């Protein structure tokens, strides 16, 4: 099976702060691939590099055979038409109705007639169970419903690639289950490739075909959800089982408090 997205020897950072280092990943066509890890591990940065919002300092991201950071504006615009994005917390346009939110990418990227756009939007809303909420504003629906509207907008153009940035954040257990099922079903119905960035182990493992675990910008483990659940790797065990003690530190790396305060860090040493 060919890969829709390939990442090779990727390096990216802000100034002296390294975010991703020597990263290589494959995202096969038709699969749901999860990217997991603690906060600050570089998960969302990967999505931004795939979408061409930022440029790698070394290596490359290839989408459908094209190296993303080498594309000019026209080529980037054409490539992004093949992508759908569900942003964290939905990111709906608050002044637009549910219908207009889903219609937005169709109007932006196509020259379809209004009657065709109406049919397509209602079909997408029907797929997420919200056809009858088409005329409501985002402020008039629940958080879980808003996330489903955002999902309908993400798949409005039947994209080859759908990216999800923390799609389960802030949802109640029922909405989480509904959203997870929709992600899997829409991926299979469209034949798309889905990249799922998430902290939620249970819902992600139910729908993912393969999982990458990141820590400090590097892949520390990878495999199927079943392999990750059975893993004895300290990092995977800590993350999957939500253990407080393990290789993932609580404090952001840097100078210790004792060093900042000019104190002697040697235990038992008299001042």
C-alpha atoms as a PDB file:
ATOM      1  CA  UNK A   1       0.000   0.000   0.000  1.00  0.00           C
ATOM      2  CA  UNK A   2       1.391   3.423  -0.999  1.00  0.00           C
ATOM      3  CA  UNK A   3       1.768   6.325   1.391  1.00  0.00           C
ATOM      4  CA  UNK A   4      -0.184   9.536   0.946  1.00  0.00           C
ATOM      5  CA  UNK A   5       2.136  11.378   3.345  1.00  0.00           C
ATOM      6  CA  UNK A   6       5.830  10.695   3.903  1.00  0.00           C
ATOM      7  CA  UNK A   7       8.074  12.500   6.376  1.00  0.00           C
ATOM      8  CA  UNK A   8      11.813  11.997   6.094  1.00  0.00           C
ATOM      9  CA  UNK A   9      14.645  13.149   8.391  1.00  0.00           C
ATOM     10  CA  UNK A  10      12.581  16.136   9.500  1.00  0.00           C
ATOM     11  CA  UNK A  11      14.051  18.795  11.727  1.00  0.00           C
ATOM     12  CA  UNK A  12      12.290  21.925  12.960  1.00  0.00           C
ATOM     13  CA  UNK A  13      12.722  24.361  15.809  1.00  0.00           C
ATOM     14  CA  UNK A  14      12.176  27.919  16.966  1.00  0.00           C
ATOM     15  CA  UNK A  15      15.511  29.632  17.465  1.00  0.00           C
ATOM     16  CA  UNK A  16      17.630  27.439  19.725  1.00  0.00           C
ATOM     17  CA  UNK A  17      14.602  25.421  20.876  1.00  0.00           C
ATOM     18  CA  UNK A  18      14.432  22.168  18.929  1.00  0.00           C
ATOM     19  CA  UNK A  19      10.863  20.875  18.388  1.00  0.00           C
ATOM     20  CA  UNK A  20      11.354  17.954  15.971  1.00  0.00           C
ATOM     21  CA  UNK A  21      14.599  16.111  15.315  1.00  0.00           C
ATOM     22  CA  UNK A  22      15.336  13.428  12.703  1.00  0.00           C
ATOM     23  CA  UNK A  23      11.671  12.518  12.319  1.00  0.00           C
ATOM     24  CA  UNK A  24      10.583   9.913   9.718  1.00  0.00           C
ATOM     25  CA  UNK A  25       6.951   8.774   9.460  1.00  0.00           C
ATOM     26  CA  UNK A  26       4.641   7.090   6.942  1.00  0.00           C
ATOM     27  CA  UNK A  27       0.904   7.654   6.550  1.00  0.00           C
ATOM     28  CA  UNK A  28      -0.600   4.984   4.219  1.00  0.00           C
ATOM     29  CA  UNK A  29      -3.613   5.713   2.060  1.00  0.00           C
ATOM     30  CA  UNK A  30      -6.960   4.740   3.561  1.00  0.00           C
ATOM     31  CA  UNK A  31      -5.683   4.407   7.132  1.00  0.00           C
ATOM     32  CA  UNK A  32      -6.249   6.253  10.416  1.00  0.00           C
ATOM     33  CA  UNK A  33      -2.854   7.031  11.925  1.00  0.00           C
ATOM     34  CA  UNK A  34      -2.599   8.484  15.427  1.00  0.00           C
ATOM     35  CA  UNK A  35       0.188  10.765  16.635  1.00  0.00           C
ATOM     36  CA  UNK A  36       0.300  10.798  20.422  1.00  0.00           C
ATOM     37  CA  UNK A  37       2.528  12.185  23.136  1.00  0.00           C
ATOM     38  CA  UNK A  38       2.670  14.667  25.958  1.00  0.00           C
ATOM     39  CA  UNK A  39       2.099  18.394  25.617  1.00  0.00           C
ATOM     40  CA  UNK A  40       4.962  20.071  23.795  1.00  0.00           C
ATOM     41  CA  UNK A  41       6.157  16.896  22.068  1.00  0.00           C
ATOM     42  CA  UNK A  42       5.654  18.380  18.585  1.00  0.00           C
ATOM     43  CA  UNK A  43       2.376  16.749  17.491  1.00  0.00           C
ATOM     44  CA  UNK A  44       0.582  19.850  16.201  1.00  0.00           C
ATOM     45  CA  UNK A  45       3.823  21.097  14.644  1.00  0.00           C
ATOM     46  CA  UNK A  46       3.732  18.019  12.388  1.00  0.00           C
ATOM     47  CA  UNK A  47       0.266  19.012  11.146  1.00  0.00           C
ATOM     48  CA  UNK A  48       1.466  22.544  10.440  1.00  0.00           C
ATOM     49  CA  UNK A  49       4.425  21.220   8.442  1.00  0.00           C
ATOM     50  CA  UNK A  50       2.156  18.923   6.419  1.00  0.00           C
ATOM     51  CA  UNK A  51      -0.146  21.852   5.659  1.00  0.00           C
ATOM     52  CA  UNK A  52       2.759  24.063   4.608  1.00  0.00           C
ATOM     53  CA  UNK A  53       2.214  26.694   7.297  1.00  0.00           C
ATOM     54  CA  UNK A  54       5.841  26.355   8.401  1.00  0.00           C
ATOM     55  CA  UNK A  55       8.991  25.144   6.628  1.00  0.00           C
ATOM     56  CA  UNK A  56      11.376  22.438   7.908  1.00  0.00           C
ATOM     57  CA  UNK A  57      14.999  23.293   8.563  1.00  0.00           C
ATOM     58  CA  UNK A  58      16.083  19.893   7.301  1.00  0.00           C
ATOM     59  CA  UNK A  59      14.395  16.968   5.587  1.00  0.00           C
ATOM     60  CA  UNK A  60      11.012  17.125   3.898  1.00  0.00           C
ATOM     61  CA  UNK A  61       7.302  16.380   4.045  1.00  0.00           C
ATOM     62  CA  UNK A  62       5.854  14.812   0.905  1.00  0.00           C
ATOM     63  CA  UNK A  63       2.072  14.780   0.296  1.00  0.00           C
ATOM     64  CA  UNK A  64       0.699  12.850  -2.670  1.00  0.00           C
ATOM     65  CA  UNK A  65       4.164  12.804  -4.209  1.00  0.00           C
ATOM     66  CA  UNK A  66       4.865  16.540  -3.815  1.00  0.00           C
ATOM     67  CA  UNK A  67       7.431  18.058  -1.452  1.00  0.00           C
ATOM     68  CA  UNK A  68       5.327  20.570   0.462  1.00  0.00           C
ATOM     69  CA  UNK A  69       7.868  23.284   1.280  1.00  0.00           C
ATOM     70  CA  UNK A  70       9.057  23.578  -2.344  1.00  0.00           C
ATOM     71  CA  UNK A  71       5.611  24.474  -3.725  1.00  0.00           C
ATOM     72  CA  UNK A  72       4.761  27.968  -4.908  1.00  0.00           C
ATOM     73  CA  UNK A  73       1.498  29.665  -3.908  1.00  0.00           C
ATOM     74  CA  UNK A  74      -0.586  28.130  -6.702  1.00  0.00           C
ATOM     75  CA  UNK A  75       0.732  24.636  -6.039  1.00  0.00           C
ATOM     76  CA  UNK A  76       0.224  24.990  -2.296  1.00  0.00           C
ATOM     77  CA  UNK A  77      -3.346  26.159  -2.821  1.00  0.00           C
ATOM     78  CA  UNK A  78      -4.038  23.150  -5.064  1.00  0.00           C
ATOM     79  CA  UNK A  79      -2.486  20.762  -2.535  1.00  0.00           C
ATOM     80  CA  UNK A  80      -4.499  22.181   0.347  1.00  0.00           C
ATOM     81  CA  UNK A  81      -7.666  21.520  -1.632  1.00  0.00           C
ATOM     82  CA  UNK A  82      -6.888  17.837  -1.079  1.00  0.00           C
ATOM     83  CA  UNK A  83      -6.750  18.383   2.688  1.00  0.00           C
ATOM     84  CA  UNK A  84      -9.394  18.726   5.372  1.00  0.00           C
ATOM     85  CA  UNK A  85      -8.628  20.053   8.842  1.00  0.00           C
ATOM     86  CA  UNK A  86     -10.525  19.759  12.085  1.00  0.00           C
ATOM     87  CA  UNK A  87      -9.012  22.316  14.415  1.00  0.00           C
ATOM     88  CA  UNK A  88      -8.849  21.951  18.166  1.00  0.00           C
ATOM     89  CA  UNK A  89     -12.196  23.122  19.623  1.00  0.00           C
ATOM     90  CA  UNK A  90     -13.709  23.253  16.117  1.00  0.00           C
ATOM     91  CA  UNK A  91     -12.805  26.862  15.189  1.00  0.00           C
ATOM     92  CA  UNK A  92     -16.169  27.553  13.541  1.00  0.00           C
ATOM     93  CA  UNK A  93     -16.971  31.010  12.172  1.00  0.00           C
ATOM     94  CA  UNK A  94     -19.198  32.349  14.941  1.00  0.00           C
ATOM     95  CA  UNK A  95     -21.062  34.851  12.733  1.00  0.00           C
ATOM     96  CA  UNK A  96     -22.007  32.210  10.166  1.00  0.00           C
ATOM     97  CA  UNK A  97     -24.722  29.605  10.433  1.00  0.00           C
ATOM     98  CA  UNK A  98     -23.965  25.894  10.616  1.00  0.00           C
ATOM     99  CA  UNK A  99     -24.873  25.664   6.907  1.00  0.00           C
ATOM    100  CA  UNK A 100     -22.597  28.539   5.898  1.00  0.00           C
ATOM    101  CA  UNK A 101     -19.689  27.111   7.899  1.00  0.00           C
ATOM    102  CA  UNK A 102     -19.828  23.842   5.981  1.00  0.00           C
ATOM    103  CA  UNK A 103     -20.421  25.655   2.672  1.00  0.00           C
ATOM    104  CA  UNK A 104     -17.354  27.866   3.157  1.00  0.00           C
ATOM    105  CA  UNK A 105     -14.686  25.508   1.686  1.00  0.00           C
ATOM    106  CA  UNK A 106     -16.994  24.634  -1.213  1.00  0.00           C
ATOM    107  CA  UNK A 107     -17.370  28.309  -2.097  1.00  0.00           C
ATOM    108  CA  UNK A 108     -13.670  28.967  -1.567  1.00  0.00           C
ATOM    109  CA  UNK A 109     -12.326  26.093  -3.661  1.00  0.00           C
ATOM    110  CA  UNK A 110     -15.009  25.325  -6.265  1.00  0.00           C
ATOM    111  CA  UNK A 111     -17.278  27.027  -8.771  1.00  0.00           C
ATOM    112  CA  UNK A 112     -20.306  24.878  -8.017  1.00  0.00           C
ATOM    113  CA  UNK A 113     -23.800  26.306  -8.331  1.00  0.00           C
ATOM    114  CA  UNK A 114     -25.679  27.318  -5.203  1.00  0.00           C
ATOM    115  CA  UNK A 115     -28.158  24.476  -5.670  1.00  0.00           C
ATOM    116  CA  UNK A 116     -25.303  21.956  -5.825  1.00  0.00           C
ATOM    117  CA  UNK A 117     -23.618  23.495  -2.772  1.00  0.00           C
ATOM    118  CA  UNK A 118     -26.896  23.286  -0.856  1.00  0.00           C
ATOM    119  CA  UNK A 119     -27.276  19.598  -1.691  1.00  0.00           C
ATOM    120  CA  UNK A 120     -23.685  18.801  -0.741  1.00  0.00           C
ATOM    121  CA  UNK A 121     -23.813  20.724   2.541  1.00  0.00           C
ATOM    122  CA  UNK A 122     -27.034  19.029   3.600  1.00  0.00           C
ATOM    123  CA  UNK A 123     -25.525  15.647   2.721  1.00  0.00           C
ATOM    124  CA  UNK A 124     -22.464  16.333   4.886  1.00  0.00           C
ATOM    125  CA  UNK A 125     -24.609  17.597   7.762  1.00  0.00           C
ATOM    126  CA  UNK A 126     -26.835  14.556   7.446  1.00  0.00           C
ATOM    127  CA  UNK A 127     -23.756  12.333   7.707  1.00  0.00           C
ATOM    128  CA  UNK A 128     -22.944  13.858  11.109  1.00  0.00           C
ATOM    129  CA  UNK A 129     -26.572  13.889  12.248  1.00  0.00           C
ATOM    130  CA  UNK A 130     -27.082  17.660  12.089  1.00  0.00           C
ATOM    131  CA  UNK A 131     -29.069  18.336   8.911  1.00  0.00           C
ATOM    132  CA  UNK A 132     -31.900  19.885  10.942  1.00  0.00           C
ATOM    133  CA  UNK A 133     -29.475  22.269  12.675  1.00  0.00           C
ATOM    134  CA  UNK A 134     -28.357  23.869   9.403  1.00  0.00           C
ATOM    135  CA  UNK A 135     -29.824  27.325  10.126  1.00  0.00           C
ATOM    136  CA  UNK A 136     -28.550  27.601  13.698  1.00  0.00           C
ATOM    137  CA  UNK A 137     -25.518  29.619  14.765  1.00  0.00           C
ATOM    138  CA  UNK A 138     -22.575  27.962  16.592  1.00  0.00           C
ATOM    139  CA  UNK A 139     -23.649  29.738  19.791  1.00  0.00           C
ATOM    140  CA  UNK A 140     -26.995  27.927  19.606  1.00  0.00           C
ATOM    141  CA  UNK A 141     -25.609  24.381  19.603  1.00  0.00           C
ATOM    142  CA  UNK A 142     -23.647  22.312  22.120  1.00  0.00           C
ATOM    143  CA  UNK A 143     -19.880  21.807  22.106  1.00  0.00           C
ATOM    144  CA  UNK A 144     -20.255  18.246  20.859  1.00  0.00           C
ATOM    145  CA  UNK A 145     -22.548  19.357  18.046  1.00  0.00           C
ATOM    146  CA  UNK A 146     -20.127  22.143  17.105  1.00  0.00           C
ATOM    147  CA  UNK A 147     -17.333  19.574  16.802  1.00  0.00           C
ATOM    148  CA  UNK A 148     -19.508  17.526  14.439  1.00  0.00           C
ATOM    149  CA  UNK A 149     -20.209  20.627  12.334  1.00  0.00           C
ATOM    150  CA  UNK A 150     -16.455  21.212  12.147  1.00  0.00           C
ATOM    151  CA  UNK A 151     -16.053  17.597  11.038  1.00  0.00           C
ATOM    152  CA  UNK A 152     -18.647  18.089   8.284  1.00  0.00           C
ATOM    153  CA  UNK A 153     -16.726  21.187   7.146  1.00  0.00           C
ATOM    154  CA  UNK A 154     -13.426  19.243   7.181  1.00  0.00           C
ATOM    155  CA  UNK A 155     -14.817  16.621   4.785  1.00  0.00           C
ATOM    156  CA  UNK A 156     -16.868  19.000   2.618  1.00  0.00           C
ATOM    157  CA  UNK A 157     -14.480  18.611  -0.336  1.00  0.00           C
ATOM    158  CA  UNK A 158     -14.069  14.821   0.087  1.00  0.00           C
ATOM    159  CA  UNK A 159     -10.355  15.336   0.829  1.00  0.00           C
ATOM    160  CA  UNK A 160      -7.684  12.704   0.374  1.00  0.00           C
ATOM    161  CA  UNK A 161      -6.122  13.752   3.687  1.00  0.00           C
ATOM    162  CA  UNK A 162      -7.997  14.705   6.859  1.00  0.00           C
ATOM    163  CA  UNK A 163      -6.074  16.061   9.852  1.00  0.00           C
ATOM    164  CA  UNK A 164      -7.549  16.174  13.348  1.00  0.00           C
ATOM    165  CA  UNK A 165      -5.989  18.302  16.098  1.00  0.00           C
ATOM    166  CA  UNK A 166      -7.274  17.037  19.471  1.00  0.00           C
ATOM    167  CA  UNK A 167     -10.800  16.234  18.206  1.00  0.00           C
ATOM    168  CA  UNK A 168     -11.915  14.850  21.591  1.00  0.00           C
ATOM    169  CA  UNK A 169     -10.756  17.770  23.753  1.00  0.00           C
ATOM    170  CA  UNK A 170     -13.490  19.102  26.027  1.00  0.00           C
ATOM    171  CA  UNK A 171     -16.150  16.596  24.972  1.00  0.00           C
ATOM    172  CA  UNK A 172     -18.319  14.499  27.264  1.00  0.00           C
ATOM    173  CA  UNK A 173     -17.989  10.686  26.995  1.00  0.00           C
ATOM    174  CA  UNK A 174     -21.020  10.311  24.687  1.00  0.00           C
ATOM    175  CA  UNK A 175     -19.843  13.062  22.319  1.00  0.00           C
ATOM    176  CA  UNK A 176     -16.341  11.572  22.334  1.00  0.00           C
ATOM    177  CA  UNK A 177     -17.678   8.187  21.272  1.00  0.00           C
ATOM    178  CA  UNK A 178     -19.880   9.713  18.574  1.00  0.00           C
ATOM    179  CA  UNK A 179     -16.988  11.799  17.213  1.00  0.00           C
ATOM    180  CA  UNK A 180     -14.611   8.832  17.187  1.00  0.00           C
ATOM    181  CA  UNK A 181     -17.123   6.694  15.297  1.00  0.00           C
ATOM    182  CA  UNK A 182     -17.689   9.478  12.756  1.00  0.00           C
ATOM    183  CA  UNK A 183     -13.949   9.874  12.170  1.00  0.00           C
ATOM    184  CA  UNK A 184     -13.555   6.181  11.438  1.00  0.00           C
ATOM    185  CA  UNK A 185     -16.713   5.876   9.322  1.00  0.00           C
ATOM    186  CA  UNK A 186     -16.019   8.999   7.253  1.00  0.00           C
ATOM    187  CA  UNK A 187     -12.433   7.908   6.655  1.00  0.00           C
ATOM    188  CA  UNK A 188     -13.580   4.522   5.367  1.00  0.00           C
ATOM    189  CA  UNK A 189     -16.448   5.959   3.300  1.00  0.00           C
ATOM    190  CA  UNK A 190     -14.222   8.542   1.597  1.00  0.00           C
ATOM    191  CA  UNK A 191     -11.173   6.295   1.297  1.00  0.00           C
ATOM    192  CA  UNK A 192      -9.163   9.077   2.912  1.00  0.00           C
ATOM    193  CA  UNK A 193      -6.038   9.058   5.033  1.00  0.00           C
ATOM    194  CA  UNK A 194      -6.619  10.452   8.521  1.00  0.00           C
ATOM    195  CA  UNK A 195      -3.944  11.835  10.855  1.00  0.00           C
ATOM    196  CA  UNK A 196      -5.249  12.024  14.389  1.00  0.00           C
ATOM    197  CA  UNK A 197      -3.395  14.062  17.025  1.00  0.00           C
ATOM    198  CA  UNK A 198      -4.845  13.225  20.417  1.00  0.00           C
ATOM    199  CA  UNK A 199      -4.173  12.683  24.117  1.00  0.00           C
ATOM    200  CA  UNK A 200      -7.213  10.436  24.546  1.00  0.00           C
ATOM    201  CA  UNK A 201      -5.920   6.870  24.629  1.00  0.00           C
ATOM    202  CA  UNK A 202      -9.198   4.934  24.751  1.00  0.00           C
ATOM    203  CA  UNK A 203     -11.079   6.617  21.901  1.00  0.00           C
ATOM    204  CA  UNK A 204      -7.975   6.864  19.727  1.00  0.00           C
ATOM    205  CA  UNK A 205      -6.989   3.226  20.157  1.00  0.00           C
ATOM    206  CA  UNK A 206     -10.504   2.104  19.184  1.00  0.00           C
ATOM    207  CA  UNK A 207     -10.332   3.709  15.728  1.00  0.00           C
ATOM    208  CA  UNK A 208      -6.606   3.967  14.849  1.00  0.00           C
ATOM    209  CA  UNK A 209      -4.801   1.507  12.585  1.00  0.00           C
ATOM    210  CA  UNK A 210      -1.345   2.572  13.733  1.00  0.00           C
ATOM    211  CA  UNK A 211       0.105   4.797  16.464  1.00  0.00           C
ATOM    212  CA  UNK A 212       3.243   6.927  16.715  1.00  0.00           C
ATOM    213  CA  UNK A 213       4.342   8.039  20.189  1.00  0.00           C
ATOM    214  CA  UNK A 214       6.423  11.221  20.366  1.00  0.00           C
ATOM    215  CA  UNK A 215       8.548  12.582  23.179  1.00  0.00           C
ATOM    216  CA  UNK A 216      10.728  15.683  22.912  1.00  0.00           C
ATOM    217  CA  UNK A 217      10.394  15.736  19.135  1.00  0.00           C
ATOM    218  CA  UNK A 218      11.400  12.127  18.500  1.00  0.00           C
ATOM    219  CA  UNK A 219       9.506   8.886  17.944  1.00  0.00           C
ATOM    220  CA  UNK A 220       9.936   6.763  21.057  1.00  0.00           C
ATOM    221  CA  UNK A 221       7.504   3.991  20.091  1.00  0.00           C
ATOM    222  CA  UNK A 222       5.247   2.939  17.242  1.00  0.00           C
ATOM    223  CA  UNK A 223       2.912   0.099  16.377  1.00  0.00           C
ATOM    224  CA  UNK A 224      -0.717  -0.989  16.332  1.00  0.00           C
ATOM    225  CA  UNK A 225      -2.958  -0.045  19.268  1.00  0.00           C
ATOM    226  CA  UNK A 226      -2.829  -3.663  20.426  1.00  0.00           C
ATOM    227  CA  UNK A 227       0.975  -3.627  20.408  1.00  0.00           C
ATOM    228  CA  UNK A 228       1.023  -0.366  22.340  1.00  0.00           C
ATOM    229  CA  UNK A 229      -1.347  -1.694  24.998  1.00  0.00           C
ATOM    230  CA  UNK A 230       0.917  -4.705  25.496  1.00  0.00           C
ATOM    231  CA  UNK A 231       4.134  -2.681  25.366  1.00  0.00           C
ATOM    232  CA  UNK A 232       6.567  -2.765  28.282  1.00  0.00           C
ATOM    233  CA  UNK A 233       8.317   0.396  27.062  1.00  0.00           C
ATOM    234  CA  UNK A 234       8.462   2.791  30.064  1.00  0.00           C
ATOM    235  CA  UNK A 235       7.237   5.794  28.080  1.00  0.00           C
ATOM    236  CA  UNK A 236       4.329   3.936  26.481  1.00  0.00           C
ATOM    237  CA  UNK A 237       3.301   2.390  29.788  1.00  0.00           C
ATOM    238  CA  UNK A 238       3.336   5.776  31.514  1.00  0.00           C
ATOM    239  CA  UNK A 239       1.252   7.436  28.803  1.00  0.00           C
ATOM    240  CA  UNK A 240      -1.231   4.621  28.104  1.00  0.00           C
ATOM    241  CA  UNK A 241      -1.899   3.931  31.776  1.00  0.00           C
ATOM    242  CA  UNK A 242      -1.716   7.593  32.896  1.00  0.00           C
ATOM    243  CA  UNK A 243       1.022   6.937  35.443  1.00  0.00           C
ATOM    244  CA  UNK A 244       2.495   9.940  37.250  1.00  0.00           C
ATOM    245  CA  UNK A 245       5.979   8.422  37.541  1.00  0.00           C
ATOM    246  CA  UNK A 246       8.002   7.601  34.460  1.00  0.00           C
ATOM    247  CA  UNK A 247      10.293   9.023  31.768  1.00  0.00           C
ATOM    248  CA  UNK A 248       7.985  11.983  31.003  1.00  0.00           C
ATOM    249  CA  UNK A 249       9.006  14.755  33.411  1.00  0.00           C
ATOM    250  CA  UNK A 250       6.558  17.061  35.158  1.00  0.00           C
ATOM    251  CA  UNK A 251       8.787  20.147  34.854  1.00  0.00           C
ATOM    252  CA  UNK A 252       9.725  21.836  31.581  1.00  0.00           C
ATOM    253  CA  UNK A 253      13.453  21.150  30.978  1.00  0.00           C
ATOM    254  CA  UNK A 254      15.929  23.774  32.115  1.00  0.00           C
ATOM    255  CA  UNK A 255      17.595  25.064  35.247  1.00  0.00           C
ATOM    256  CA  UNK A 256      16.375  23.699  38.554  1.00  0.00           C
ATOM    257  CA  UNK A 257      14.635  25.890  41.104  1.00  0.00           C
ATOM    258  CA  UNK A 258      17.678  25.609  43.334  1.00  0.00           C
ATOM    259  CA  UNK A 259      19.883  26.942  40.540  1.00  0.00           C
ATOM    260  CA  UNK A 260      17.481  29.791  39.801  1.00  0.00           C
ATOM    261  CA  UNK A 261      17.479  30.823  43.469  1.00  0.00           C
ATOM    262  CA  UNK A 262      21.232  30.430  43.801  1.00  0.00           C
ATOM    263  CA  UNK A 263      20.860  27.699  46.399  1.00  0.00           C
ATOM    264  CA  UNK A 264      23.162  24.753  46.973  1.00  0.00           C
ATOM    265  CA  UNK A 265      21.545  21.660  45.507  1.00  0.00           C
ATOM    266  CA  UNK A 266      23.638  19.131  47.423  1.00  0.00           C
ATOM    267  CA  UNK A 267      21.445  17.379  49.967  1.00  0.00           C
ATOM    268  CA  UNK A 268      22.473  17.875  53.585  1.00  0.00           C
ATOM    269  CA  UNK A 269      25.034  20.612  52.820  1.00  0.00           C
ATOM    270  CA  UNK A 270      25.133  23.354  55.438  1.00  0.00           C
ATOM    271  CA  UNK A 271      24.907  26.996  54.411  1.00  0.00           C
END
